[in-house]
Amino acid sequence: MEWTLRALQASPERAARIMADDVYAYEFPPVPGVEIGTAYRPAADRSKVGGDLIDVYQFNNGSIAISIADISGKGVHAATRAALVKYALRAYVSAGLTPAQVMRNLNVLYMETSKFDHRDPDSFVTVFLGIADPEHRVLTYASAGHEPVILIQSNAAPLVLPPTGPLVGVFEDSHSRFHQRLVSMNAHDSTLIVTTDGITEARSSDGAFFYEHPMLDVIEENRSCSAHDQAHNLMQTALAFCNMRPHDDIAIVAARFA
């Protein structure tokens, strides 16, 4: 791959940026029946590469996979771990594994990788993976210690989708720990809002967390907006809340099902 050759010839920080440009993509091909909006903002310290990635893609059967992950650490190491997570998720889902099976296999792969990683053997990652079936209006998801995900449906309060398992990369006995949930979606106009903790843990000058109050209100106020506007309005409100100084990377994906 061209980006691999360029990364090998660059300085460590430049190599991380080259890899990040490929791994941390935030624009995706159109998906029929689903409007995708994304927003990304690096932490205040822009010299540190790493952290958050999102991915959206459709399969031949019409199902849509939406994933988001937050890798521990920064720099080249975090970028290489992010590449592992992104493409492992795609491979496992493409092979027909359920979200829970994907998390179990990803955990095994991640922990095996960590055994041979002397620089960062304690690396871990939070992951959300949702597979939506627009035809049958169901969402099957697994969340490995990730931030709560919000599902907006017409004429109903936002539904919070909690984690279904622990962090990836922490527990070896993964088979009994990672689970999944199936959620019904309304016939029309359901929106999935997925973020990383750069949003939920954004802090005001007095120490309040964004998730404690404004976040759900902002999501409610923007429910009729396009997916693009929902993602960007949430981002801008969070940035204003923390005085434009986020302490962690922020990634948002809004998937609005017609």
C-alpha atoms as a PDB file:
ATOM      1  CA  MET A   1       0.000   0.000   0.000  1.00  0.00           C
ATOM      2  CA  GLU A   2       1.289   3.435  -0.933  1.00  0.00           C
ATOM      3  CA  TRP A   3       0.616   4.921   2.495  1.00  0.00           C
ATOM      4  CA  THR A   4       2.699   2.143   4.094  1.00  0.00           C
ATOM      5  CA  LEU A   5       5.745   3.003   1.975  1.00  0.00           C
ATOM      6  CA  ARG A   6       5.380   6.695   2.728  1.00  0.00           C
ATOM      7  CA  ALA A   7       4.989   5.986   6.433  1.00  0.00           C
ATOM      8  CA  LEU A   8       8.187   3.892   6.536  1.00  0.00           C
ATOM      9  CA  GLN A   9      10.153   6.779   5.024  1.00  0.00           C
ATOM     10  CA  ALA A  10       8.817   9.423   7.398  1.00  0.00           C
ATOM     11  CA  SER A  11       9.552  10.567  10.939  1.00  0.00           C
ATOM     12  CA  PRO A  12       7.530   8.869  13.713  1.00  0.00           C
ATOM     13  CA  GLU A  13       5.020  11.717  14.018  1.00  0.00           C
ATOM     14  CA  ARG A  14       4.761  12.149  10.251  1.00  0.00           C
ATOM     15  CA  ALA A  15       4.324   8.394   9.845  1.00  0.00           C
ATOM     16  CA  ALA A  16       1.499   8.475  12.352  1.00  0.00           C
ATOM     17  CA  ARG A  17      -0.199  11.233  10.396  1.00  0.00           C
ATOM     18  CA  ILE A  18       0.114   9.356   7.091  1.00  0.00           C
ATOM     19  CA  MET A  19      -1.414   6.265   8.658  1.00  0.00           C
ATOM     20  CA  ALA A  20      -4.091   8.357  10.322  1.00  0.00           C
ATOM     21  CA  ASP A  21      -5.161   9.849   7.008  1.00  0.00           C
ATOM     22  CA  ASP A  22      -5.931   6.345   5.759  1.00  0.00           C
ATOM     23  CA  VAL A  23      -7.247   4.723   8.925  1.00  0.00           C
ATOM     24  CA  TYR A  24      -9.127   7.678  10.382  1.00  0.00           C
ATOM     25  CA  ALA A  25     -11.311   8.442   7.372  1.00  0.00           C
ATOM     26  CA  TYR A  26     -14.496  10.390   8.087  1.00  0.00           C
ATOM     27  CA  GLU A  27     -16.149  10.453   4.691  1.00  0.00           C
ATOM     28  CA  PHE A  28     -17.864   7.366   3.294  1.00  0.00           C
ATOM     29  CA  PRO A  29     -19.557   6.328   0.051  1.00  0.00           C
ATOM     30  CA  PRO A  30     -23.332   6.946  -0.057  1.00  0.00           C
ATOM     31  CA  VAL A  31     -25.453   4.209   1.483  1.00  0.00           C
ATOM     32  CA  PRO A  32     -28.949   3.801  -0.041  1.00  0.00           C
ATOM     33  CA  GLY A  33     -31.691   4.478   2.487  1.00  0.00           C
ATOM     34  CA  VAL A  34     -29.316   5.925   5.088  1.00  0.00           C
ATOM     35  CA  GLU A  35     -28.031   9.461   5.459  1.00  0.00           C
ATOM     36  CA  ILE A  36     -24.622   9.583   7.125  1.00  0.00           C
ATOM     37  CA  GLY A  37     -23.220  12.614   8.924  1.00  0.00           C
ATOM     38  CA  THR A  38     -19.827  12.694  10.628  1.00  0.00           C
ATOM     39  CA  ALA A  39     -17.752  15.164  12.606  1.00  0.00           C
ATOM     40  CA  TYR A  40     -14.232  14.958  13.985  1.00  0.00           C
ATOM     41  CA  ARG A  41     -12.055  17.223  16.074  1.00  0.00           C
ATOM     42  CA  PRO A  42      -8.605  16.334  17.477  1.00  0.00           C
ATOM     43  CA  ALA A  43      -7.724  17.082  21.066  1.00  0.00           C
ATOM     44  CA  ALA A  44      -6.332  20.475  22.017  1.00  0.00           C
ATOM     45  CA  ASP A  45      -2.814  19.030  21.766  1.00  0.00           C
ATOM     46  CA  ARG A  46      -2.762  18.478  17.987  1.00  0.00           C
ATOM     47  CA  SER A  47       0.790  17.084  18.059  1.00  0.00           C
ATOM     48  CA  LYS A  48      -0.516  13.792  19.414  1.00  0.00           C
ATOM     49  CA  VAL A  49      -2.011  11.433  16.862  1.00  0.00           C
ATOM     50  CA  GLY A  50      -4.248   8.581  17.852  1.00  0.00           C
ATOM     51  CA  GLY A  51      -7.513   7.848  19.455  1.00  0.00           C
ATOM     52  CA  ASP A  52     -10.801   7.686  17.653  1.00  0.00           C
ATOM     53  CA  LEU A  53     -11.960   6.026  14.450  1.00  0.00           C
ATOM     54  CA  ILE A  54     -15.320   5.452  12.782  1.00  0.00           C
ATOM     55  CA  ASP A  55     -16.409   3.275   9.882  1.00  0.00           C
ATOM     56  CA  VAL A  56     -19.631   2.896   7.899  1.00  0.00           C
ATOM     57  CA  TYR A  57     -20.201   0.408   5.107  1.00  0.00           C
ATOM     58  CA  GLN A  58     -22.936  -1.676   3.469  1.00  0.00           C
ATOM     59  CA  PHE A  59     -23.022  -5.367   2.611  1.00  0.00           C
ATOM     60  CA  ASN A  60     -24.509  -7.165  -0.361  1.00  0.00           C
ATOM     61  CA  ASN A  61     -27.543  -8.200   1.689  1.00  0.00           C
ATOM     62  CA  GLY A  62     -28.356  -4.556   2.394  1.00  0.00           C
ATOM     63  CA  SER A  63     -27.234  -4.557   6.042  1.00  0.00           C
ATOM     64  CA  ILE A  64     -25.204  -1.593   7.224  1.00  0.00           C
ATOM     65  CA  ALA A  65     -22.321  -1.788   9.696  1.00  0.00           C
ATOM     66  CA  ILE A  66     -21.579   1.259  11.840  1.00  0.00           C
ATOM     67  CA  SER A  67     -18.558   1.097  14.107  1.00  0.00           C
ATOM     68  CA  ILE A  68     -16.660   3.486  16.320  1.00  0.00           C
ATOM     69  CA  ALA A  69     -13.609   2.825  18.476  1.00  0.00           C
ATOM     70  CA  ASP A  70     -11.426   4.690  20.927  1.00  0.00           C
ATOM     71  CA  ILE A  71      -7.876   3.346  21.161  1.00  0.00           C
ATOM     72  CA  SER A  72      -5.809   3.950  24.273  1.00  0.00           C
ATOM     73  CA  GLY A  73      -2.589   5.860  23.759  1.00  0.00           C
ATOM     74  CA  LYS A  74      -1.326   8.290  21.150  1.00  0.00           C
ATOM     75  CA  GLY A  75       1.139   8.467  18.279  1.00  0.00           C
ATOM     76  CA  VAL A  76       2.362   5.710  15.967  1.00  0.00           C
ATOM     77  CA  HIS A  77       1.436   2.934  18.368  1.00  0.00           C
ATOM     78  CA  ALA A  78      -2.170   4.043  18.648  1.00  0.00           C
ATOM     79  CA  ALA A  79      -2.388   4.449  14.875  1.00  0.00           C
ATOM     80  CA  THR A  80      -1.153   0.913  14.244  1.00  0.00           C
ATOM     81  CA  ARG A  81      -3.599  -0.476  16.808  1.00  0.00           C
ATOM     82  CA  ALA A  82      -6.373   1.540  15.170  1.00  0.00           C
ATOM     83  CA  ALA A  83      -5.560  -0.041  11.805  1.00  0.00           C
ATOM     84  CA  LEU A  84      -5.735  -3.471  13.424  1.00  0.00           C
ATOM     85  CA  VAL A  85      -9.149  -2.725  14.927  1.00  0.00           C
ATOM     86  CA  LYS A  86     -10.671  -1.130  11.843  1.00  0.00           C
ATOM     87  CA  TYR A  87      -9.795  -3.857   9.394  1.00  0.00           C
ATOM     88  CA  ALA A  88     -10.375  -6.712  11.846  1.00  0.00           C
ATOM     89  CA  LEU A  89     -13.911  -5.405  12.382  1.00  0.00           C
ATOM     90  CA  ARG A  90     -14.508  -5.297   8.642  1.00  0.00           C
ATOM     91  CA  ALA A  91     -13.111  -8.784   8.146  1.00  0.00           C
ATOM     92  CA  TYR A  92     -15.141 -10.357  10.944  1.00  0.00           C
ATOM     93  CA  VAL A  93     -18.399  -8.689   9.938  1.00  0.00           C
ATOM     94  CA  SER A  94     -17.838  -9.571   6.283  1.00  0.00           C
ATOM     95  CA  ALA A  95     -17.360 -13.196   7.326  1.00  0.00           C
ATOM     96  CA  GLY A  96     -20.880 -13.207   8.766  1.00  0.00           C
ATOM     97  CA  LEU A  97     -20.083 -13.029  12.477  1.00  0.00           C
ATOM     98  CA  THR A  98     -22.642 -11.473  14.806  1.00  0.00           C
ATOM     99  CA  PRO A  99     -21.647  -8.328  16.740  1.00  0.00           C
ATOM    100  CA  ALA A 100     -21.028 -10.368  19.903  1.00  0.00           C
ATOM    101  CA  GLN A 101     -18.870 -12.866  17.991  1.00  0.00           C
ATOM    102  CA  VAL A 102     -16.971  -9.990  16.418  1.00  0.00           C
ATOM    103  CA  MET A 103     -16.128  -8.571  19.855  1.00  0.00           C
ATOM    104  CA  ARG A 104     -15.011 -11.962  21.156  1.00  0.00           C
ATOM    105  CA  ASN A 105     -12.725 -12.532  18.193  1.00  0.00           C
ATOM    106  CA  LEU A 106     -11.405  -8.977  18.276  1.00  0.00           C
ATOM    107  CA  ASN A 107     -10.594  -9.354  21.964  1.00  0.00           C
ATOM    108  CA  VAL A 108      -8.588 -12.537  21.306  1.00  0.00           C
ATOM    109  CA  LEU A 109      -6.713 -10.883  18.435  1.00  0.00           C
ATOM    110  CA  TYR A 110      -6.018  -7.738  20.450  1.00  0.00           C
ATOM    111  CA  MET A 111      -4.733  -9.614  23.470  1.00  0.00           C
ATOM    112  CA  GLU A 112      -2.547 -11.884  21.356  1.00  0.00           C
ATOM    113  CA  THR A 113      -1.064  -8.787  19.736  1.00  0.00           C
ATOM    114  CA  SER A 114      -0.435  -7.218  23.135  1.00  0.00           C
ATOM    115  CA  LYS A 115       1.567 -10.233  24.311  1.00  0.00           C
ATOM    116  CA  PHE A 116       4.243  -9.402  21.744  1.00  0.00           C
ATOM    117  CA  ASP A 117       4.057  -5.648  22.223  1.00  0.00           C
ATOM    118  CA  HIS A 118       6.726  -4.671  24.743  1.00  0.00           C
ATOM    119  CA  ARG A 119       6.118  -0.935  24.325  1.00  0.00           C
ATOM    120  CA  ASP A 120       2.439  -0.939  25.207  1.00  0.00           C
ATOM    121  CA  PRO A 121       1.316  -4.376  26.447  1.00  0.00           C
ATOM    122  CA  ASP A 122      -1.591  -2.870  28.410  1.00  0.00           C
ATOM    123  CA  SER A 123      -3.270  -1.234  25.430  1.00  0.00           C
ATOM    124  CA  PHE A 124      -7.062  -1.471  25.300  1.00  0.00           C
ATOM    125  CA  VAL A 125      -9.907  -0.175  23.174  1.00  0.00           C
ATOM    126  CA  THR A 126     -13.589   0.642  23.527  1.00  0.00           C
ATOM    127  CA  VAL A 127     -15.667  -0.412  20.527  1.00  0.00           C
ATOM    128  CA  PHE A 128     -19.246  -0.020  19.367  1.00  0.00           C
ATOM    129  CA  LEU A 129     -20.483  -2.115  16.458  1.00  0.00           C
ATOM    130  CA  GLY A 130     -24.050  -1.875  15.193  1.00  0.00           C
ATOM    131  CA  ILE A 131     -25.448  -3.825  12.261  1.00  0.00           C
ATOM    132  CA  ALA A 132     -28.648  -2.295  10.965  1.00  0.00           C
ATOM    133  CA  ASP A 133     -31.144  -4.128   8.785  1.00  0.00           C
ATOM    134  CA  PRO A 134     -33.167  -1.319   7.157  1.00  0.00           C
ATOM    135  CA  GLU A 135     -35.632  -3.725   5.545  1.00  0.00           C
ATOM    136  CA  HIS A 136     -36.684  -5.340   8.819  1.00  0.00           C
ATOM    137  CA  ARG A 137     -36.017  -2.199  10.863  1.00  0.00           C
ATOM    138  CA  VAL A 138     -33.810  -3.798  13.496  1.00  0.00           C
ATOM    139  CA  LEU A 139     -30.424  -2.911  14.921  1.00  0.00           C
ATOM    140  CA  THR A 140     -28.177  -5.566  16.460  1.00  0.00           C
ATOM    141  CA  TYR A 141     -25.321  -4.081  18.422  1.00  0.00           C
ATOM    142  CA  ALA A 142     -22.476  -4.933  20.752  1.00  0.00           C
ATOM    143  CA  SER A 143     -20.636  -2.343  22.777  1.00  0.00           C
ATOM    144  CA  ALA A 144     -17.321  -3.197  24.419  1.00  0.00           C
ATOM    145  CA  GLY A 145     -17.135  -0.650  27.206  1.00  0.00           C
ATOM    146  CA  HIS A 146     -17.956   2.175  24.817  1.00  0.00           C
ATOM    147  CA  GLU A 147     -19.774   5.403  25.564  1.00  0.00           C
ATOM    148  CA  PRO A 148     -23.581   5.150  25.581  1.00  0.00           C
ATOM    149  CA  VAL A 149     -25.036   5.394  22.087  1.00  0.00           C
ATOM    150  CA  ILE A 150     -28.272   7.290  21.415  1.00  0.00           C
ATOM    151  CA  LEU A 151     -31.112   6.070  19.201  1.00  0.00           C
ATOM    152  CA  ILE A 152     -33.641   8.723  18.216  1.00  0.00           C
ATOM    153  CA  GLN A 153     -37.053   7.569  17.029  1.00  0.00           C
ATOM    154  CA  SER A 154     -40.081   9.607  16.052  1.00  0.00           C
ATOM    155  CA  ASN A 155     -42.487  10.523  18.833  1.00  0.00           C
ATOM    156  CA  ALA A 156     -40.266   9.026  21.531  1.00  0.00           C
ATOM    157  CA  ALA A 157     -37.587  10.232  23.911  1.00  0.00           C
ATOM    158  CA  PRO A 158     -33.991   9.419  22.919  1.00  0.00           C
ATOM    159  CA  LEU A 159     -33.120   5.820  23.790  1.00  0.00           C
ATOM    160  CA  VAL A 160     -29.744   5.226  25.443  1.00  0.00           C
ATOM    161  CA  LEU A 161     -27.996   2.024  24.306  1.00  0.00           C
ATOM    162  CA  PRO A 162     -25.618   0.942  27.112  1.00  0.00           C
ATOM    163  CA  PRO A 163     -22.478  -1.219  26.824  1.00  0.00           C
ATOM    164  CA  THR A 164     -22.970  -4.971  26.469  1.00  0.00           C
ATOM    165  CA  GLY A 165     -19.473  -6.058  27.496  1.00  0.00           C
ATOM    166  CA  PRO A 166     -16.107  -4.913  28.875  1.00  0.00           C
ATOM    167  CA  LEU A 167     -13.234  -3.156  27.143  1.00  0.00           C
ATOM    168  CA  VAL A 168     -11.420  -5.060  24.416  1.00  0.00           C
ATOM    169  CA  GLY A 169      -7.944  -6.083  25.487  1.00  0.00           C
ATOM    170  CA  VAL A 170      -8.528  -6.550  29.211  1.00  0.00           C
ATOM    171  CA  PHE A 171     -10.093  -9.978  29.871  1.00  0.00           C
ATOM    172  CA  GLU A 172      -8.916 -13.213  28.273  1.00  0.00           C
ATOM    173  CA  ASP A 173     -12.076 -15.243  28.953  1.00  0.00           C
ATOM    174  CA  SER A 174     -13.975 -13.286  26.354  1.00  0.00           C
ATOM    175  CA  HIS A 175     -16.600 -15.838  25.362  1.00  0.00           C
ATOM    176  CA  SER A 176     -18.810 -15.291  28.396  1.00  0.00           C
ATOM    177  CA  ARG A 177     -18.238 -11.551  28.667  1.00  0.00           C
ATOM    178  CA  PHE A 178     -19.264 -10.068  25.314  1.00  0.00           C
ATOM    179  CA  HIS A 179     -22.944  -9.942  24.426  1.00  0.00           C
ATOM    180  CA  GLN A 180     -25.251  -8.177  21.996  1.00  0.00           C
ATOM    181  CA  ARG A 181     -28.702  -6.621  21.961  1.00  0.00           C
ATOM    182  CA  LEU A 182     -31.379  -6.331  19.304  1.00  0.00           C
ATOM    183  CA  VAL A 183     -33.308  -3.057  19.116  1.00  0.00           C
ATOM    184  CA  SER A 184     -36.381  -2.411  16.982  1.00  0.00           C
ATOM    185  CA  MET A 185     -36.406   0.771  14.917  1.00  0.00           C
ATOM    186  CA  ASN A 186     -39.463   2.728  13.880  1.00  0.00           C
ATOM    187  CA  ALA A 187     -40.761   2.387  10.353  1.00  0.00           C
ATOM    188  CA  HIS A 188     -39.528   5.870   9.492  1.00  0.00           C
ATOM    189  CA  ASP A 189     -36.998   8.415  10.621  1.00  0.00           C
ATOM    190  CA  SER A 190     -34.731   6.694  13.149  1.00  0.00           C
ATOM    191  CA  THR A 191     -31.299   8.196  13.837  1.00  0.00           C
ATOM    192  CA  LEU A 192     -28.349   6.560  15.562  1.00  0.00           C
ATOM    193  CA  ILE A 193     -25.926   8.968  17.264  1.00  0.00           C
ATOM    194  CA  VAL A 194     -22.552   7.422  18.104  1.00  0.00           C
ATOM    195  CA  THR A 195     -19.752   9.377  19.781  1.00  0.00           C
ATOM    196  CA  THR A 196     -16.490   8.890  21.626  1.00  0.00           C
ATOM    197  CA  ASP A 197     -15.761  10.109  25.136  1.00  0.00           C
ATOM    198  CA  GLY A 198     -14.331  13.352  23.809  1.00  0.00           C
ATOM    199  CA  ILE A 199     -17.994  14.397  23.614  1.00  0.00           C
ATOM    200  CA  THR A 200     -19.434  12.900  26.793  1.00  0.00           C
ATOM    201  CA  GLU A 201     -16.461  13.975  28.925  1.00  0.00           C
ATOM    202  CA  ALA A 202     -16.095  17.484  27.501  1.00  0.00           C
ATOM    203  CA  ARG A 203     -15.922  19.785  30.528  1.00  0.00           C
ATOM    204  CA  SER A 204     -17.098  23.305  31.176  1.00  0.00           C
ATOM    205  CA  SER A 205     -14.987  25.829  33.064  1.00  0.00           C
ATOM    206  CA  ASP A 206     -16.759  24.868  36.299  1.00  0.00           C
ATOM    207  CA  GLY A 207     -15.992  21.153  35.829  1.00  0.00           C
ATOM    208  CA  ALA A 208     -19.396  19.951  34.616  1.00  0.00           C
ATOM    209  CA  PHE A 209     -19.483  17.163  32.025  1.00  0.00           C
ATOM    210  CA  PHE A 210     -21.302  17.663  28.732  1.00  0.00           C
ATOM    211  CA  TYR A 211     -23.120  14.340  29.105  1.00  0.00           C
ATOM    212  CA  GLU A 212     -24.573  15.298  32.480  1.00  0.00           C
ATOM    213  CA  HIS A 213     -27.048  17.751  31.013  1.00  0.00           C
ATOM    214  CA  PRO A 214     -26.684  19.506  27.649  1.00  0.00           C
ATOM    215  CA  MET A 215     -25.921  16.514  25.412  1.00  0.00           C
ATOM    216  CA  LEU A 216     -29.326  14.808  25.342  1.00  0.00           C
ATOM    217  CA  ASP A 217     -31.056  18.191  25.130  1.00  0.00           C
ATOM    218  CA  VAL A 218     -29.001  19.108  22.065  1.00  0.00           C
ATOM    219  CA  ILE A 219     -29.760  15.755  20.433  1.00  0.00           C
ATOM    220  CA  GLU A 220     -33.474  16.238  21.138  1.00  0.00           C
ATOM    221  CA  GLU A 221     -33.475  19.774  19.735  1.00  0.00           C
ATOM    222  CA  ASN A 222     -31.798  18.667  16.498  1.00  0.00           C
ATOM    223  CA  ARG A 223     -33.740  15.457  15.860  1.00  0.00           C
ATOM    224  CA  SER A 224     -35.422  16.869  12.737  1.00  0.00           C
ATOM    225  CA  CYS A 225     -32.143  18.073  11.199  1.00  0.00           C
ATOM    226  CA  SER A 226     -30.158  16.249   8.556  1.00  0.00           C
ATOM    227  CA  ALA A 227     -27.589  13.701   9.730  1.00  0.00           C
ATOM    228  CA  HIS A 228     -24.814  16.107   8.750  1.00  0.00           C
ATOM    229  CA  ASP A 229     -26.332  18.932  10.810  1.00  0.00           C
ATOM    230  CA  GLN A 230     -27.022  16.658  13.777  1.00  0.00           C
ATOM    231  CA  ALA A 231     -23.368  15.610  13.923  1.00  0.00           C
ATOM    232  CA  HIS A 232     -21.974  19.098  13.417  1.00  0.00           C
ATOM    233  CA  ASN A 233     -24.427  20.856  15.742  1.00  0.00           C
ATOM    234  CA  LEU A 234     -23.566  18.383  18.491  1.00  0.00           C
ATOM    235  CA  MET A 235     -19.863  18.967  17.857  1.00  0.00           C
ATOM    236  CA  GLN A 236     -20.138  22.755  17.904  1.00  0.00           C
ATOM    237  CA  THR A 237     -22.216  22.784  21.083  1.00  0.00           C
ATOM    238  CA  ALA A 238     -19.749  20.494  22.844  1.00  0.00           C
ATOM    239  CA  LEU A 239     -16.813  22.665  21.750  1.00  0.00           C
ATOM    240  CA  ALA A 240     -18.528  25.795  23.011  1.00  0.00           C
ATOM    241  CA  PHE A 241     -19.270  23.967  26.284  1.00  0.00           C
ATOM    242  CA  CYS A 242     -15.546  23.255  26.833  1.00  0.00           C
ATOM    243  CA  ASN A 243     -14.398  26.667  25.552  1.00  0.00           C
ATOM    244  CA  MET A 244     -13.027  25.184  22.321  1.00  0.00           C
ATOM    245  CA  ARG A 245     -10.419  23.197  24.262  1.00  0.00           C
ATOM    246  CA  PRO A 246     -11.337  19.488  24.097  1.00  0.00           C
ATOM    247  CA  HIS A 247      -9.001  17.333  26.192  1.00  0.00           C
ATOM    248  CA  ASP A 248      -9.563  14.284  24.011  1.00  0.00           C
ATOM    249  CA  ASP A 249     -10.298  13.562  20.366  1.00  0.00           C
ATOM    250  CA  ILE A 250     -13.957  13.924  19.406  1.00  0.00           C
ATOM    251  CA  ALA A 251     -15.615  11.679  16.815  1.00  0.00           C
ATOM    252  CA  ILE A 252     -19.304  11.606  15.941  1.00  0.00           C
ATOM    253  CA  VAL A 253     -21.324   9.622  13.430  1.00  0.00           C
ATOM    254  CA  ALA A 254     -25.040  10.207  12.865  1.00  0.00           C
ATOM    255  CA  ALA A 255     -26.875   7.604  10.769  1.00  0.00           C
ATOM    256  CA  ARG A 256     -30.395   8.626   9.816  1.00  0.00           C
ATOM    257  CA  PHE A 257     -32.598   5.891   8.386  1.00  0.00           C
ATOM    258  CA  ALA A 258     -35.294   7.062   5.989  1.00  0.00           C
END
